[in-house]
Amino acid sequence: MEGEKMVHIIDLYSFEPAHWLNLLQMLSARPEGASHLRITGIHEQKEVLDNMTFRLTEEAEKLDIPFQFNPIVSKLENIDLESLRKTEEALAVSSVLRLHSLLENENEILGTNSPSASKSSNPNQLRRGLQMGHRTLGEWLEKDGSYV
């Protein structure tokens, strides 16, 4: 996301600030300066997000990086991901340990909640299994005919 003024990362399972602390340090070392970084962290426990907010905000202030952390206390399945996106931002999605749970929930909706059942599904069922709401992950990430 080189050259972007605003970078937004949606962390689908925000539980550990270490990798974001490393990112902040890397951004501060860039010769052209750091982009404005916005991280939206999603987790079911408010305390986890409070810790993330404190640690990341503290580090960003220390490094003088424009930063915003948006905590969302919720199950991932209840989030309208489309509403989190702003058009002027470069968007990245971190799905460490969570993407499989979205797919699992979609399989349950389709009535195919076992791995063997999803392997035997026809391509149309698999495509529906990848949908998030009415949009596939690819469609959600698509921007002006290309992928971010």
C-alpha atoms as a PDB file:
ATOM      1  CA  MET A   1       0.000   0.000   0.000  1.00  0.00           C
ATOM      2  CA  GLU A   2       2.888   2.203  -0.834  1.00  0.00           C
ATOM      3  CA  GLY A   3       1.999   5.811  -1.524  1.00  0.00           C
ATOM      4  CA  GLU A   4      -1.428   5.628   0.113  1.00  0.00           C
ATOM      5  CA  LYS A   5      -2.365   8.480   2.453  1.00  0.00           C
ATOM      6  CA  MET A   6      -5.022   6.510   4.351  1.00  0.00           C
ATOM      7  CA  VAL A   7      -4.733   2.801   5.116  1.00  0.00           C
ATOM      8  CA  HIS A   8      -7.564   0.895   6.796  1.00  0.00           C
ATOM      9  CA  ILE A   9      -7.010  -2.605   8.155  1.00  0.00           C
ATOM     10  CA  ILE A  10      -9.994  -4.653   9.269  1.00  0.00           C
ATOM     11  CA  ASP A  11      -8.775  -7.240  11.771  1.00  0.00           C
ATOM     12  CA  LEU A  12     -11.410  -9.993  11.836  1.00  0.00           C
ATOM     13  CA  TYR A  13     -10.054 -11.465  15.085  1.00  0.00           C
ATOM     14  CA  SER A  14      -8.326  -8.710  16.978  1.00  0.00           C
ATOM     15  CA  PHE A  15      -6.714 -10.344  19.991  1.00  0.00           C
ATOM     16  CA  GLU A  16      -2.974  -9.628  20.013  1.00  0.00           C
ATOM     17  CA  PRO A  17      -1.373  -6.234  19.301  1.00  0.00           C
ATOM     18  CA  ALA A  18       2.181  -7.533  18.635  1.00  0.00           C
ATOM     19  CA  HIS A  19       1.970  -7.682  14.837  1.00  0.00           C
ATOM     20  CA  TRP A  20       0.294  -4.256  14.677  1.00  0.00           C
ATOM     21  CA  LEU A  21       2.970  -2.818  16.976  1.00  0.00           C
ATOM     22  CA  ASN A  22       5.569  -4.105  14.499  1.00  0.00           C
ATOM     23  CA  LEU A  23       3.654  -2.507  11.637  1.00  0.00           C
ATOM     24  CA  LEU A  24       3.577   0.845  13.455  1.00  0.00           C
ATOM     25  CA  GLN A  25       7.331   0.677  13.981  1.00  0.00           C
ATOM     26  CA  MET A  26       7.903  -0.161  10.308  1.00  0.00           C
ATOM     27  CA  LEU A  27       5.666   2.707   9.204  1.00  0.00           C
ATOM     28  CA  SER A  28       7.533   5.165  11.406  1.00  0.00           C
ATOM     29  CA  ALA A  29      10.827   4.175   9.749  1.00  0.00           C
ATOM     30  CA  ARG A  30       9.616   4.966   6.205  1.00  0.00           C
ATOM     31  CA  PRO A  31      11.553   7.856   4.610  1.00  0.00           C
ATOM     32  CA  GLU A  32       8.331   9.407   3.275  1.00  0.00           C
ATOM     33  CA  GLY A  33       6.677   9.179   6.695  1.00  0.00           C
ATOM     34  CA  ALA A  34       3.789   7.096   7.869  1.00  0.00           C
ATOM     35  CA  SER A  35       0.372   6.917   6.246  1.00  0.00           C
ATOM     36  CA  HIS A  36      -2.642   7.578   8.427  1.00  0.00           C
ATOM     37  CA  LEU A  37      -3.442   4.116   9.787  1.00  0.00           C
ATOM     38  CA  ARG A  38      -6.896   3.060  10.890  1.00  0.00           C
ATOM     39  CA  ILE A  39      -7.415  -0.404  12.333  1.00  0.00           C
ATOM     40  CA  THR A  40     -10.881  -1.775  12.965  1.00  0.00           C
ATOM     41  CA  GLY A  41     -10.587  -4.588  15.505  1.00  0.00           C
ATOM     42  CA  ILE A  42     -13.376  -7.118  15.915  1.00  0.00           C
ATOM     43  CA  HIS A  43     -13.607  -9.370  18.966  1.00  0.00           C
ATOM     44  CA  GLU A  44     -16.320 -10.692  21.259  1.00  0.00           C
ATOM     45  CA  GLN A  45     -14.625  -9.520  24.473  1.00  0.00           C
ATOM     46  CA  LYS A  46     -14.473  -5.803  25.262  1.00  0.00           C
ATOM     47  CA  GLU A  47     -11.461  -6.256  27.565  1.00  0.00           C
ATOM     48  CA  VAL A  48      -9.382  -7.678  24.710  1.00  0.00           C
ATOM     49  CA  LEU A  49     -10.219  -4.692  22.507  1.00  0.00           C
ATOM     50  CA  ASP A  50      -9.568  -2.242  25.363  1.00  0.00           C
ATOM     51  CA  ASN A  51      -6.063  -3.698  25.705  1.00  0.00           C
ATOM     52  CA  MET A  52      -5.526  -3.431  21.938  1.00  0.00           C
ATOM     53  CA  THR A  53      -6.723   0.183  21.941  1.00  0.00           C
ATOM     54  CA  PHE A  54      -4.426   1.166  24.806  1.00  0.00           C
ATOM     55  CA  ARG A  55      -1.276  -0.544  23.516  1.00  0.00           C
ATOM     56  CA  LEU A  56      -1.610   0.542  19.892  1.00  0.00           C
ATOM     57  CA  THR A  57      -2.611   4.128  20.671  1.00  0.00           C
ATOM     58  CA  GLU A  58       0.266   4.441  23.126  1.00  0.00           C
ATOM     59  CA  GLU A  59       2.774   3.174  20.536  1.00  0.00           C
ATOM     60  CA  ALA A  60       1.380   5.369  17.747  1.00  0.00           C
ATOM     61  CA  GLU A  61       1.633   8.450  19.966  1.00  0.00           C
ATOM     62  CA  LYS A  62       5.197   7.557  20.931  1.00  0.00           C
ATOM     63  CA  LEU A  63       6.130   7.170  17.242  1.00  0.00           C
ATOM     64  CA  ASP A  64       4.093  10.236  16.178  1.00  0.00           C
ATOM     65  CA  ILE A  65       1.996   8.267  13.678  1.00  0.00           C
ATOM     66  CA  PRO A  66      -1.526   9.377  12.756  1.00  0.00           C
ATOM     67  CA  PHE A  67      -3.572   6.458  14.068  1.00  0.00           C
ATOM     68  CA  GLN A  68      -7.097   5.443  14.932  1.00  0.00           C
ATOM     69  CA  PHE A  69      -8.311   2.171  16.464  1.00  0.00           C
ATOM     70  CA  ASN A  70     -12.004   1.340  16.115  1.00  0.00           C
ATOM     71  CA  PRO A  71     -13.015  -1.494  18.452  1.00  0.00           C
ATOM     72  CA  ILE A  72     -16.133  -3.483  17.590  1.00  0.00           C
ATOM     73  CA  VAL A  73     -17.399  -5.851  20.278  1.00  0.00           C
ATOM     74  CA  SER A  74     -19.371  -8.438  18.356  1.00  0.00           C
ATOM     75  CA  LYS A  75     -19.379 -11.868  16.814  1.00  0.00           C
ATOM     76  CA  LEU A  76     -17.910 -11.689  13.348  1.00  0.00           C
ATOM     77  CA  GLU A  77     -21.075 -13.153  11.825  1.00  0.00           C
ATOM     78  CA  ASN A  78     -23.060 -10.124  13.043  1.00  0.00           C
ATOM     79  CA  ILE A  79     -20.847  -7.513  11.370  1.00  0.00           C
ATOM     80  CA  ASP A  80     -21.831  -5.728   8.170  1.00  0.00           C
ATOM     81  CA  LEU A  81     -18.340  -5.541   6.682  1.00  0.00           C
ATOM     82  CA  GLU A  82     -19.523  -3.314   3.855  1.00  0.00           C
ATOM     83  CA  SER A  83     -20.407  -0.561   6.339  1.00  0.00           C
ATOM     84  CA  LEU A  84     -16.797  -0.433   7.607  1.00  0.00           C
ATOM     85  CA  ARG A  85     -15.311   0.558   4.265  1.00  0.00           C
ATOM     86  CA  LYS A  86     -14.632   4.160   3.218  1.00  0.00           C
ATOM     87  CA  THR A  87     -13.892   4.957  -0.411  1.00  0.00           C
ATOM     88  CA  GLU A  88     -10.835   7.152   0.186  1.00  0.00           C
ATOM     89  CA  GLU A  89      -8.950   4.464   2.108  1.00  0.00           C
ATOM     90  CA  ALA A  90      -6.719   1.661   0.908  1.00  0.00           C
ATOM     91  CA  LEU A  91      -8.249  -1.440   2.491  1.00  0.00           C
ATOM     92  CA  ALA A  92      -6.621  -4.583   3.877  1.00  0.00           C
ATOM     93  CA  VAL A  93      -8.309  -7.429   5.725  1.00  0.00           C
ATOM     94  CA  SER A  94      -6.542  -9.578   8.306  1.00  0.00           C
ATOM     95  CA  SER A  95      -8.325 -12.888   8.803  1.00  0.00           C
ATOM     96  CA  VAL A  96      -5.894 -14.774  11.038  1.00  0.00           C
ATOM     97  CA  LEU A  97      -7.766 -17.671  12.671  1.00  0.00           C
ATOM     98  CA  ARG A  98     -11.215 -16.423  11.562  1.00  0.00           C
ATOM     99  CA  LEU A  99     -11.904 -16.913   7.859  1.00  0.00           C
ATOM    100  CA  HIS A 100     -12.622 -20.607   8.384  1.00  0.00           C
ATOM    101  CA  SER A 101     -15.344 -19.753  10.916  1.00  0.00           C
ATOM    102  CA  LEU A 102     -17.154 -17.601   8.362  1.00  0.00           C
ATOM    103  CA  LEU A 103     -17.063 -20.460   5.884  1.00  0.00           C
ATOM    104  CA  GLU A 104     -18.193 -22.888   8.573  1.00  0.00           C
ATOM    105  CA  ASN A 105     -21.188 -20.718   9.442  1.00  0.00           C
ATOM    106  CA  GLU A 106     -22.179 -20.477   5.784  1.00  0.00           C
ATOM    107  CA  ASN A 107     -21.966 -24.286   5.470  1.00  0.00           C
ATOM    108  CA  GLU A 108     -24.320 -24.627   8.438  1.00  0.00           C
ATOM    109  CA  ILE A 109     -26.781 -22.318   6.706  1.00  0.00           C
ATOM    110  CA  LEU A 110     -26.591 -24.524   3.614  1.00  0.00           C
ATOM    111  CA  GLY A 111     -27.055 -27.641   5.733  1.00  0.00           C
ATOM    112  CA  THR A 112     -23.549 -28.923   5.016  1.00  0.00           C
ATOM    113  CA  ASN A 113     -21.671 -28.496   8.252  1.00  0.00           C
ATOM    114  CA  SER A 114     -19.063 -31.214   7.829  1.00  0.00           C
ATOM    115  CA  PRO A 115     -15.833 -30.923   5.840  1.00  0.00           C
ATOM    116  CA  SER A 116     -16.690 -34.021   3.813  1.00  0.00           C
ATOM    117  CA  ALA A 117     -20.099 -32.623   2.918  1.00  0.00           C
ATOM    118  CA  SER A 118     -18.630 -29.352   1.686  1.00  0.00           C
ATOM    119  CA  LYS A 119     -16.095 -31.254  -0.463  1.00  0.00           C
ATOM    120  CA  SER A 120     -18.881 -33.140  -2.172  1.00  0.00           C
ATOM    121  CA  SER A 121     -20.924 -30.009  -2.885  1.00  0.00           C
ATOM    122  CA  ASN A 122     -21.369 -28.898  -6.437  1.00  0.00           C
ATOM    123  CA  PRO A 123     -19.663 -25.621  -7.484  1.00  0.00           C
ATOM    124  CA  ASN A 124     -22.873 -23.611  -7.110  1.00  0.00           C
ATOM    125  CA  GLN A 125     -23.280 -24.717  -3.500  1.00  0.00           C
ATOM    126  CA  LEU A 126     -19.621 -23.970  -2.814  1.00  0.00           C
ATOM    127  CA  ARG A 127     -19.998 -20.499  -4.298  1.00  0.00           C
ATOM    128  CA  ARG A 128     -23.020 -19.887  -2.064  1.00  0.00           C
ATOM    129  CA  GLY A 129     -20.989 -21.209   0.869  1.00  0.00           C
ATOM    130  CA  LEU A 130     -18.415 -18.498   0.286  1.00  0.00           C
ATOM    131  CA  GLN A 131     -20.982 -15.743   0.408  1.00  0.00           C
ATOM    132  CA  MET A 132     -20.950 -13.194   3.204  1.00  0.00           C
ATOM    133  CA  GLY A 133     -24.509 -11.918   3.276  1.00  0.00           C
ATOM    134  CA  HIS A 134     -25.376 -11.442  -0.378  1.00  0.00           C
ATOM    135  CA  ARG A 135     -21.813 -10.798  -1.522  1.00  0.00           C
ATOM    136  CA  THR A 136     -18.820 -13.051  -1.875  1.00  0.00           C
ATOM    137  CA  LEU A 137     -15.539 -12.126  -0.214  1.00  0.00           C
ATOM    138  CA  GLY A 138     -14.109 -11.365  -3.655  1.00  0.00           C
ATOM    139  CA  GLU A 139     -16.999  -9.049  -4.491  1.00  0.00           C
ATOM    140  CA  TRP A 140     -16.625  -7.339  -1.139  1.00  0.00           C
ATOM    141  CA  LEU A 141     -12.931  -6.730  -1.742  1.00  0.00           C
ATOM    142  CA  GLU A 142     -13.415  -5.737  -5.356  1.00  0.00           C
ATOM    143  CA  LYS A 143     -12.865  -2.052  -6.039  1.00  0.00           C
ATOM    144  CA  ASP A 144     -13.489  -0.519  -9.464  1.00  0.00           C
ATOM    145  CA  GLY A 145     -13.001  -3.832 -11.269  1.00  0.00           C
ATOM    146  CA  SER A 146      -9.745  -4.763  -9.522  1.00  0.00           C
ATOM    147  CA  TYR A 147      -8.769  -6.292  -6.208  1.00  0.00           C
ATOM    148  CA  VAL A 148      -7.270  -4.186  -3.442  1.00  0.00           C
END
